[in-house]
Amino acid sequence: MACIFCDIISGKLPASLVYDHEDFLAFLDKKPLFHGHVLLVPRTHVATMTDLPRDPAAKIFAVAQDIARAVESAMEAEGTFVAINNRVSQSVPHLHMHIVPRKKGDGLKGFFWPRTKYASDQETDGVAARIRERL
């Protein structure tokens, strides 16, 4: 199955590169939330964050820190939004981190989905317990 990010990594498709390393590649998103929106991808094809082995997972977050600093500085941003989708809302099935410059009042309101509430402290505790069990 064809992967657009693998095609960018191999050089088959053009991209505006901002970081080129033996393990990772970062380039501008073609449909950015804001100018300076960067996508950071591992060169090895993995679909989701949970598919990435631990050593490269630690490394990709270190690279994301460096890119976030650079994006803030280059775009004169007040901060960044860093996000990873796993399967749901993942438009390309190749792990990628979004690093988006942010400024107060830029129009982006928190997360991109509606928020919910727990019905009670007991429900909250039950959800936390289920997650702990699986860890």
C-alpha atoms as a PDB file:
ATOM      1  CA  MET A   1       0.000   0.000   0.000  1.00  0.00           C
ATOM      2  CA  ALA A   2       1.370   3.415  -0.938  1.00  0.00           C
ATOM      3  CA  CYS A   3       2.284   5.864   1.813  1.00  0.00           C
ATOM      4  CA  ILE A   4       2.615   9.551   0.974  1.00  0.00           C
ATOM      5  CA  PHE A   5       5.082  10.099   3.840  1.00  0.00           C
ATOM      6  CA  CYS A   6       7.254   7.172   2.702  1.00  0.00           C
ATOM      7  CA  ASP A   7       7.238   8.765  -0.765  1.00  0.00           C
ATOM      8  CA  ILE A   8       8.391  12.076   0.753  1.00  0.00           C
ATOM      9  CA  ILE A   9      11.084  10.258   2.766  1.00  0.00           C
ATOM     10  CA  SER A  10      12.357   8.437  -0.345  1.00  0.00           C
ATOM     11  CA  GLY A  11      12.366  11.644  -2.398  1.00  0.00           C
ATOM     12  CA  LYS A  12       9.616  10.489  -4.779  1.00  0.00           C
ATOM     13  CA  LEU A  13       7.451  13.416  -3.654  1.00  0.00           C
ATOM     14  CA  PRO A  14       8.685  16.924  -2.905  1.00  0.00           C
ATOM     15  CA  ALA A  15       8.358  18.541   0.503  1.00  0.00           C
ATOM     16  CA  SER A  16       9.614  21.687   2.202  1.00  0.00           C
ATOM     17  CA  LEU A  17      12.102  20.081   4.575  1.00  0.00           C
ATOM     18  CA  VAL A  18      12.968  21.638   7.915  1.00  0.00           C
ATOM     19  CA  TYR A  19      14.866  18.686   9.462  1.00  0.00           C
ATOM     20  CA  ASP A  20      16.664  15.814   7.789  1.00  0.00           C
ATOM     21  CA  HIS A  21      18.244  13.095   9.939  1.00  0.00           C
ATOM     22  CA  GLU A  22      18.995   9.404   9.457  1.00  0.00           C
ATOM     23  CA  ASP A  23      16.065   8.446  11.753  1.00  0.00           C
ATOM     24  CA  PHE A  24      13.558  11.277  11.245  1.00  0.00           C
ATOM     25  CA  LEU A  25      12.377  13.809   8.704  1.00  0.00           C
ATOM     26  CA  ALA A  26      10.368  16.975   9.289  1.00  0.00           C
ATOM     27  CA  PHE A  27       8.622  19.085   6.680  1.00  0.00           C
ATOM     28  CA  LEU A  28       5.950  21.744   6.385  1.00  0.00           C
ATOM     29  CA  ASP A  29       2.356  20.511   6.304  1.00  0.00           C
ATOM     30  CA  LYS A  30       0.807  21.220   2.880  1.00  0.00           C
ATOM     31  CA  LYS A  31      -2.486  22.159   4.569  1.00  0.00           C
ATOM     32  CA  PRO A  32      -1.258  23.936   7.717  1.00  0.00           C
ATOM     33  CA  LEU A  33      -3.354  25.126  10.615  1.00  0.00           C
ATOM     34  CA  PHE A  34      -0.990  28.121  10.643  1.00  0.00           C
ATOM     35  CA  HIS A  35       2.155  28.958   8.683  1.00  0.00           C
ATOM     36  CA  GLY A  36       5.060  27.051  10.201  1.00  0.00           C
ATOM     37  CA  HIS A  37       2.972  23.901  10.898  1.00  0.00           C
ATOM     38  CA  VAL A  38       5.547  21.089  10.774  1.00  0.00           C
ATOM     39  CA  LEU A  39       5.095  17.320  10.472  1.00  0.00           C
ATOM     40  CA  LEU A  40       7.789  15.158  12.091  1.00  0.00           C
ATOM     41  CA  VAL A  41       7.931  11.531  10.908  1.00  0.00           C
ATOM     42  CA  PRO A  42      10.166   8.528  11.533  1.00  0.00           C
ATOM     43  CA  ARG A  43      11.930   7.343   8.390  1.00  0.00           C
ATOM     44  CA  THR A  44      10.894   3.781   9.227  1.00  0.00           C
ATOM     45  CA  HIS A  45       7.255   3.191   8.353  1.00  0.00           C
ATOM     46  CA  VAL A  46       5.167   2.636  11.470  1.00  0.00           C
ATOM     47  CA  ALA A  47       1.470   3.424  11.554  1.00  0.00           C
ATOM     48  CA  THR A  48       1.034   4.699  15.113  1.00  0.00           C
ATOM     49  CA  MET A  49       2.917   5.851  18.194  1.00  0.00           C
ATOM     50  CA  THR A  50       2.254   2.499  19.868  1.00  0.00           C
ATOM     51  CA  ASP A  51       3.981   0.731  16.964  1.00  0.00           C
ATOM     52  CA  LEU A  52       7.197   2.722  17.433  1.00  0.00           C
ATOM     53  CA  PRO A  53       9.875   0.923  19.491  1.00  0.00           C
ATOM     54  CA  ARG A  54      10.862   2.647  22.751  1.00  0.00           C
ATOM     55  CA  ASP A  55      14.304   3.930  21.750  1.00  0.00           C
ATOM     56  CA  PRO A  56      13.087   5.770  18.638  1.00  0.00           C
ATOM     57  CA  ALA A  57      10.029   6.939  20.623  1.00  0.00           C
ATOM     58  CA  ALA A  58      12.277   8.702  23.119  1.00  0.00           C
ATOM     59  CA  LYS A  59      14.341  10.175  20.298  1.00  0.00           C
ATOM     60  CA  ILE A  60      11.354  11.513  18.354  1.00  0.00           C
ATOM     61  CA  PHE A  61      10.198  13.483  21.401  1.00  0.00           C
ATOM     62  CA  ALA A  62      13.683  15.002  21.791  1.00  0.00           C
ATOM     63  CA  VAL A  63      13.623  16.037  18.129  1.00  0.00           C
ATOM     64  CA  ALA A  64      10.092  17.429  18.582  1.00  0.00           C
ATOM     65  CA  GLN A  65      11.386  19.624  21.435  1.00  0.00           C
ATOM     66  CA  ASP A  66      14.085  21.074  19.182  1.00  0.00           C
ATOM     67  CA  ILE A  67      11.659  21.665  16.335  1.00  0.00           C
ATOM     68  CA  ALA A  68       9.099  23.267  18.680  1.00  0.00           C
ATOM     69  CA  ARG A  69      11.762  25.730  19.881  1.00  0.00           C
ATOM     70  CA  ALA A  70      12.742  26.505  16.291  1.00  0.00           C
ATOM     71  CA  VAL A  71       9.122  26.958  15.170  1.00  0.00           C
ATOM     72  CA  GLU A  72       8.408  29.333  18.065  1.00  0.00           C
ATOM     73  CA  SER A  73      11.458  31.408  17.238  1.00  0.00           C
ATOM     74  CA  ALA A  74      11.070  31.396  13.450  1.00  0.00           C
ATOM     75  CA  MET A  75       7.369  32.168  13.515  1.00  0.00           C
ATOM     76  CA  GLU A  76       7.573  34.603  16.462  1.00  0.00           C
ATOM     77  CA  ALA A  77       5.039  32.396  18.214  1.00  0.00           C
ATOM     78  CA  GLU A  78       4.151  32.430  21.895  1.00  0.00           C
ATOM     79  CA  GLY A  79       4.070  28.630  22.038  1.00  0.00           C
ATOM     80  CA  THR A  80       3.293  25.492  20.082  1.00  0.00           C
ATOM     81  CA  PHE A  81       0.655  22.819  19.901  1.00  0.00           C
ATOM     82  CA  VAL A  82       2.189  19.343  19.555  1.00  0.00           C
ATOM     83  CA  ALA A  83      -0.118  16.435  18.703  1.00  0.00           C
ATOM     84  CA  ILE A  84      -0.175  12.840  17.492  1.00  0.00           C
ATOM     85  CA  ASN A  85      -3.254  11.060  16.150  1.00  0.00           C
ATOM     86  CA  ASN A  86      -3.362   7.262  16.408  1.00  0.00           C
ATOM     87  CA  ARG A  87      -5.723   5.784  13.802  1.00  0.00           C
ATOM     88  CA  VAL A  88      -8.766   8.001  14.484  1.00  0.00           C
ATOM     89  CA  SER A  89      -8.318  11.326  12.643  1.00  0.00           C
ATOM     90  CA  GLN A  90      -4.971  10.105  11.287  1.00  0.00           C
ATOM     91  CA  SER A  91      -5.162  11.147   7.634  1.00  0.00           C
ATOM     92  CA  VAL A  92      -1.929   9.334   6.696  1.00  0.00           C
ATOM     93  CA  PRO A  93      -1.311   5.929   8.314  1.00  0.00           C
ATOM     94  CA  HIS A  94       2.344   6.752   9.070  1.00  0.00           C
ATOM     95  CA  LEU A  95       3.197   8.080  12.524  1.00  0.00           C
ATOM     96  CA  HIS A  96       3.550  11.845  12.437  1.00  0.00           C
ATOM     97  CA  MET A  97       3.744  14.577  15.037  1.00  0.00           C
ATOM     98  CA  HIS A  98       2.143  17.938  14.349  1.00  0.00           C
ATOM     99  CA  ILE A  99       4.125  20.902  15.651  1.00  0.00           C
ATOM    100  CA  VAL A 100       1.992  24.002  15.220  1.00  0.00           C
ATOM    101  CA  PRO A 101       2.965  27.567  16.164  1.00  0.00           C
ATOM    102  CA  ARG A 102       0.481  29.289  18.473  1.00  0.00           C
ATOM    103  CA  LYS A 103      -0.242  32.875  19.433  1.00  0.00           C
ATOM    104  CA  LYS A 104      -2.782  34.091  21.947  1.00  0.00           C
ATOM    105  CA  GLY A 105      -5.989  34.922  20.108  1.00  0.00           C
ATOM    106  CA  ASP A 106      -5.051  32.897  16.996  1.00  0.00           C
ATOM    107  CA  GLY A 107      -8.560  31.425  16.840  1.00  0.00           C
ATOM    108  CA  LEU A 108      -7.634  27.844  17.723  1.00  0.00           C
ATOM    109  CA  LYS A 109      -9.778  26.924  20.697  1.00  0.00           C
ATOM    110  CA  GLY A 110      -8.225  24.239  22.876  1.00  0.00           C
ATOM    111  CA  PHE A 111      -8.628  20.808  21.394  1.00  0.00           C
ATOM    112  CA  PHE A 112     -10.435  20.160  18.127  1.00  0.00           C
ATOM    113  CA  TRP A 113     -13.198  18.002  19.605  1.00  0.00           C
ATOM    114  CA  PRO A 114     -15.988  18.439  22.166  1.00  0.00           C
ATOM    115  CA  ARG A 115     -15.144  17.888  25.818  1.00  0.00           C
ATOM    116  CA  THR A 116     -17.047  15.580  28.174  1.00  0.00           C
ATOM    117  CA  LYS A 117     -17.421  15.273  31.934  1.00  0.00           C
ATOM    118  CA  TYR A 118     -17.408  12.330  34.305  1.00  0.00           C
ATOM    119  CA  ALA A 119     -20.763  11.794  35.978  1.00  0.00           C
ATOM    120  CA  SER A 120     -19.187  11.312  39.414  1.00  0.00           C
ATOM    121  CA  ASP A 121     -15.938  10.820  41.289  1.00  0.00           C
ATOM    122  CA  GLN A 122     -16.725   7.094  41.299  1.00  0.00           C
ATOM    123  CA  GLU A 123     -16.891   7.003  37.517  1.00  0.00           C
ATOM    124  CA  THR A 124     -13.602   8.915  37.336  1.00  0.00           C
ATOM    125  CA  ASP A 125     -11.978   6.469  39.757  1.00  0.00           C
ATOM    126  CA  GLY A 126     -13.332   3.481  37.779  1.00  0.00           C
ATOM    127  CA  VAL A 127     -11.861   4.748  34.506  1.00  0.00           C
ATOM    128  CA  ALA A 128      -8.496   5.424  36.171  1.00  0.00           C
ATOM    129  CA  ALA A 129      -8.524   1.907  37.682  1.00  0.00           C
ATOM    130  CA  ARG A 130      -9.212   0.271  34.289  1.00  0.00           C
ATOM    131  CA  ILE A 131      -6.298   2.119  32.711  1.00  0.00           C
ATOM    132  CA  ARG A 132      -3.978   1.273  35.637  1.00  0.00           C
ATOM    133  CA  GLU A 133      -4.882  -2.424  35.320  1.00  0.00           C
ATOM    134  CA  ARG A 134      -3.736  -2.460  31.719  1.00  0.00           C
ATOM    135  CA  LEU A 135      -0.472  -0.688  32.494  1.00  0.00           C
END
